[in-house]
């Protein structure tokens, strides 16, 4: 049988390891990951990605997810007159006109590109 890693009881105790077979989770140093099937770590890159995933700080993980959502979003040019009309009902007509003129002066910022 092939093993990805063999860790002794003393090492697991030093790491504060918790193996929860009911939940299929493993916690080491307050980092919890789902237990994998035996063939899930079949290549070096899968092992490294699993390690990075488990050790990446929460703040970094959240920022990475945020950037990914931004980059994966579908961008399109904004219909500025429509946006002003639909979202500025609290403004008087002259204020809507002034706002739209201001936005149109900077229209390149609303072309749907990063």
Protein backbone atom coordinates (compact mmCIF):
# COMPACT_ATOMS: atom_id res chain seq x y z
CA UNK A 1 0.00 0.00 0.00
CA UNK A 2 1.23 3.49 -0.84
CA UNK A 3 1.17 6.25 1.79
CA UNK A 4 1.52 10.00 1.29
CA UNK A 5 2.94 10.45 4.76
CA UNK A 6 3.46 8.36 7.87
CA UNK A 7 3.38 10.37 11.08
CA UNK A 8 3.99 8.92 14.51
CA UNK A 9 1.85 9.43 17.59
CA UNK A 10 4.49 11.59 19.28
CA UNK A 11 4.69 13.91 16.28
CA UNK A 12 0.90 14.17 16.05
CA UNK A 13 0.78 15.00 19.77
CA UNK A 14 3.46 17.68 19.32
CA UNK A 15 1.45 19.17 16.44
CA UNK A 16 -1.78 19.03 18.49
CA UNK A 17 -3.29 16.91 15.71
CA UNK A 18 -6.96 15.94 15.86
CA UNK A 19 -8.19 13.23 13.51
CA UNK A 20 -12.00 13.20 13.34
CA UNK A 21 -13.01 10.24 11.22
CA UNK A 22 -16.72 10.89 11.84
CA UNK A 23 -16.49 14.31 10.18
CA UNK A 24 -13.63 13.21 7.90
CA UNK A 25 -11.57 16.18 9.11
CA UNK A 26 -8.00 16.60 10.28
CA UNK A 27 -6.90 19.53 12.43
CA UNK A 28 -3.23 20.38 12.97
CA UNK A 29 -2.14 23.59 14.67
CA UNK A 30 -5.73 24.92 14.56
CA UNK A 31 -5.91 24.46 10.77
CA UNK A 32 -8.72 22.09 9.72
CA UNK A 33 -8.86 20.37 6.36
CA UNK A 34 -11.08 17.65 4.95
CA UNK A 35 -9.50 14.21 4.86
CA UNK A 36 -8.66 13.14 1.33
CA UNK A 37 -9.13 9.83 -0.41
CA UNK A 38 -5.87 7.83 -0.62
CA UNK A 39 -5.31 8.73 -4.30
CA UNK A 40 -6.11 12.44 -3.83
CA UNK A 41 -2.44 13.32 -3.33
CA UNK A 42 -1.10 11.34 -6.24
CA UNK A 43 1.20 14.02 -7.67
CA UNK A 44 3.71 16.41 -6.17
CA UNK A 45 1.73 19.46 -7.34
CA UNK A 46 -1.42 18.19 -5.58
CA UNK A 47 0.56 17.72 -2.36
CA UNK A 48 2.04 21.23 -2.60
CA UNK A 49 -1.34 22.82 -3.40
CA UNK A 50 -2.94 21.02 -0.45
CA UNK A 51 -0.15 22.23 1.84
CA UNK A 52 -0.46 25.84 0.62
CA UNK A 53 -4.23 25.72 0.99
CA UNK A 54 -3.98 24.44 4.56
CA UNK A 55 -1.32 26.90 5.69
CA UNK A 56 -2.44 30.08 3.92
CA UNK A 57 -3.60 32.69 6.47
CA UNK A 58 -7.34 33.45 6.45
CA UNK A 59 -6.80 37.12 5.52
CA UNK A 60 -4.73 36.13 2.48
CA UNK A 61 -7.27 33.50 1.49
CA UNK A 62 -10.11 36.05 1.66
CA UNK A 63 -8.17 38.59 -0.41
CA UNK A 64 -7.30 35.95 -3.00
CA UNK A 65 -10.98 35.00 -3.29
CA UNK A 66 -11.95 38.68 -3.56
CA UNK A 67 -9.43 39.35 -6.34
CA UNK A 68 -10.54 36.20 -8.16
CA UNK A 69 -14.19 37.35 -8.04
CA UNK A 70 -13.19 40.77 -9.39
CA UNK A 71 -11.08 39.36 -12.21
CA UNK A 72 -13.68 36.72 -13.14
CA UNK A 73 -16.59 39.19 -13.19
CA UNK A 74 -18.21 40.08 -16.50
CA UNK A 75 -17.56 43.73 -17.22
CA UNK A 76 -19.53 45.85 -19.65
CA UNK A 77 -19.86 49.54 -20.34
CA UNK A 78 -22.25 51.36 -18.02
CA UNK A 79 -25.37 52.97 -19.45
CA UNK A 80 -24.86 56.21 -17.51
CA UNK A 81 -28.16 57.95 -18.44
CA UNK A 82 -30.09 54.82 -17.44
CA UNK A 83 -28.17 54.46 -14.16
CA UNK A 84 -28.79 58.08 -13.18
CA UNK A 85 -32.48 57.82 -14.09
CA UNK A 86 -33.04 54.54 -12.22
CA UNK A 87 -30.97 55.32 -9.12
CA UNK A 88 -31.37 59.02 -8.50
CA UNK A 89 -35.10 59.55 -8.08
CA UNK A 90 -34.30 61.54 -4.93
CA UNK A 91 -32.58 64.22 -7.02
CA UNK A 92 -34.23 67.08 -8.87
CA UNK A 93 -33.97 67.09 -12.67
CA UNK A 94 -31.26 69.77 -12.68
CA UNK A 95 -29.22 67.73 -10.19
CA UNK A 96 -29.64 64.58 -12.31
CA UNK A 97 -28.46 66.53 -15.35
CA UNK A 98 -25.41 67.86 -13.47
CA UNK A 99 -24.57 64.39 -12.17
CA UNK A 100 -24.88 62.85 -15.62
CA UNK A 101 -22.64 65.56 -17.13
CA UNK A 102 -20.04 64.87 -14.45
CA UNK A 103 -20.16 61.13 -15.09
CA UNK A 104 -19.96 61.63 -18.86
CA UNK A 105 -16.83 63.77 -18.45
CA UNK A 106 -15.22 60.70 -16.91
CA UNK A 107 -16.96 58.17 -19.13
CA UNK A 108 -13.74 56.27 -19.79
CA UNK A 109 -13.91 55.04 -16.18
CA UNK A 110 -17.22 53.28 -16.94
CA UNK A 111 -16.28 51.40 -20.13
CA UNK A 112 -16.29 47.98 -18.50
CA UNK A 113 -12.55 47.43 -18.34
CA UNK A 114 -10.19 47.19 -15.42
